[in-house]
Protein backbone atom coordinates (compact mmCIF):
# COMPACT_ATOMS: atom_id res chain seq x y z
CA UNK A 1 8.47 -44.87 60.66
CA UNK A 2 10.92 -42.27 61.49
CA UNK A 3 13.35 -41.01 64.15
CA UNK A 4 14.08 -37.80 63.81
CA UNK A 5 17.23 -36.61 65.91
CA UNK A 6 18.25 -32.78 67.18
CA UNK A 7 20.08 -30.47 69.81
CA UNK A 8 23.64 -31.64 68.89
CA UNK A 9 25.77 -28.69 68.70
CA UNK A 10 29.10 -27.26 69.95
CA UNK A 11 29.71 -26.68 73.88
CA UNK A 12 32.24 -25.72 76.65
CA UNK A 13 33.73 -28.62 79.01
CA UNK A 14 31.30 -28.37 81.63
CA UNK A 15 28.84 -27.48 79.66
CA UNK A 16 25.15 -29.36 79.11
CA UNK A 17 23.38 -30.25 75.91
CA UNK A 18 19.86 -31.55 75.67
CA UNK A 19 19.42 -34.23 72.49
CA UNK A 20 15.52 -34.53 71.59
CA UNK A 21 14.67 -37.69 69.47
CA UNK A 22 10.59 -37.77 67.61
CA UNK A 23 8.86 -41.32 66.10
CA UNK A 24 6.98 -40.63 63.58
CA UNK A 25 4.59 -42.85 60.85
CA UNK A 26 2.75 -46.18 61.47
CA UNK A 27 3.30 -46.44 65.30
CA UNK A 28 1.63 -48.89 67.77
CA UNK A 29 4.37 -48.61 70.65
CA UNK A 30 7.69 -47.74 71.21
CA UNK A 31 9.41 -50.39 73.22
CA UNK A 32 13.43 -49.65 74.26
CA UNK A 33 14.39 -46.27 72.99
CA UNK A 34 18.51 -45.81 73.34
CA UNK A 35 21.04 -43.62 72.43
CA UNK A 36 24.20 -44.39 70.87
CA UNK A 37 27.21 -42.60 69.78
CA UNK A 38 30.08 -42.71 67.42
CA UNK A 39 33.17 -41.13 68.27
CA UNK A 40 35.62 -40.45 65.19
CA UNK A 41 37.43 -43.54 64.60
CA UNK A 42 35.53 -45.70 67.23
CA UNK A 43 33.05 -47.90 67.56
CA UNK A 44 29.90 -47.23 67.89
CA UNK A 45 28.76 -47.82 71.85
CA UNK A 46 25.49 -47.34 73.98
CA UNK A 47 25.23 -44.80 75.74
CA UNK A 48 21.82 -44.93 77.49
CA UNK A 49 18.70 -47.10 77.37
CA UNK A 50 15.12 -46.36 78.65
CA UNK A 51 12.28 -49.40 78.80
CA UNK A 52 8.88 -48.16 77.90
CA UNK A 53 7.70 -48.59 81.40
CA UNK A 54 10.63 -45.97 82.15
CA UNK A 55 13.53 -47.86 84.11
CA UNK A 56 17.27 -46.97 82.55
CA UNK A 57 20.56 -47.44 82.03
CA UNK A 58 24.02 -46.24 81.50
CA UNK A 59 27.32 -46.86 80.16
CA UNK A 60 29.72 -46.40 83.12
CA UNK A 61 31.22 -43.45 80.87
CA UNK A 62 28.57 -41.00 81.47
CA UNK A 63 26.45 -42.69 84.75
CA UNK A 64 25.80 -39.43 86.88
CA UNK A 65 25.98 -36.80 84.02
CA UNK A 66 23.29 -37.97 81.38
CA UNK A 67 19.64 -38.72 82.24
CA UNK A 68 17.50 -40.41 79.66
CA UNK A 69 13.74 -39.93 79.44
CA UNK A 70 10.74 -40.36 77.11
CA UNK A 71 7.48 -39.15 76.65
CA UNK A 72 5.03 -42.08 75.58
CA UNK A 73 2.36 -39.71 74.53
CA UNK A 74 4.86 -37.84 71.96
CA UNK A 75 6.66 -40.78 70.81
CA UNK A 76 9.98 -38.72 72.09
CA UNK A 77 12.96 -39.73 73.39
CA UNK A 78 15.77 -37.34 75.34
CA UNK A 79 18.83 -37.12 76.48
CA UNK A 80 20.57 -34.70 79.30
CA UNK A 81 24.01 -34.48 79.22
CA UNK A 82 25.76 -32.57 82.10
CA UNK A 83 28.98 -31.98 82.89
CA UNK A 84 29.99 -32.93 79.22
CA UNK A 85 33.69 -33.67 78.89
CA UNK A 86 35.49 -33.55 75.43
CA UNK A 87 35.84 -37.50 74.86
CA UNK A 88 31.79 -36.97 75.20
CA UNK A 89 32.42 -35.90 71.37
CA UNK A 90 30.47 -37.70 68.74
CA UNK A 91 27.40 -38.28 66.61
CA UNK A 92 24.71 -39.03 68.69
CA UNK A 93 21.86 -42.18 67.40
CA UNK A 94 18.70 -42.48 68.86
CA UNK A 95 17.06 -46.00 68.27
CA UNK A 96 13.99 -46.87 68.96
CA UNK A 97 12.38 -50.70 68.69
CA UNK A 98 8.89 -49.81 66.93
CA UNK A 99 5.89 -52.11 66.89
CA UNK A 100 3.50 -51.45 64.05
CA UNK A 101 0.94 -54.28 64.46
CA UNK A 102 2.50 -55.92 62.26
CA UNK A 103 6.00 -56.16 62.82
CA UNK A 104 8.79 -55.36 65.28
CA UNK A 105 11.78 -53.90 64.59
CA UNK A 106 14.71 -51.52 65.09
CA UNK A 107 14.95 -48.16 63.51
CA UNK A 108 17.33 -46.00 63.78
CA UNK A 109 18.16 -41.69 63.45
CA UNK A 110 20.11 -40.04 61.51
CA UNK A 111 22.67 -38.79 64.01
CA UNK A 112 23.64 -35.54 65.59
CA UNK A 113 26.90 -33.96 66.53
CA UNK A 114 27.95 -33.05 70.03
CA UNK A 115 31.31 -31.34 70.17
CA UNK A 116 32.68 -30.73 73.62
CA UNK A 117 35.28 -28.04 73.08
CA UNK A 118 36.91 -25.02 74.70
């Protein structure tokens, strides 16, 4: 199973970006799907999570600005990021708990760079 993230880039403060992450491989179902980020010299932090039922949770730093969503039919998760700030600059990673029918484990995407700068 692989996760492929896309959608990062350079954006000015106050701008928006949409990240997407697609899972492929032998998948029966995806349970929780998450977005993490890691700024330069910082620890990786959980930004947003969404359950298979659609319940969401956000870190305090992005609450009200970011929206996580998923398409269970397409095995994708997205992160709409609005009102971006320089402190949002980081490599963003998607993560999913994968049920293959034989096992249950977490898979990471490769990361996509988001840079917020004027």
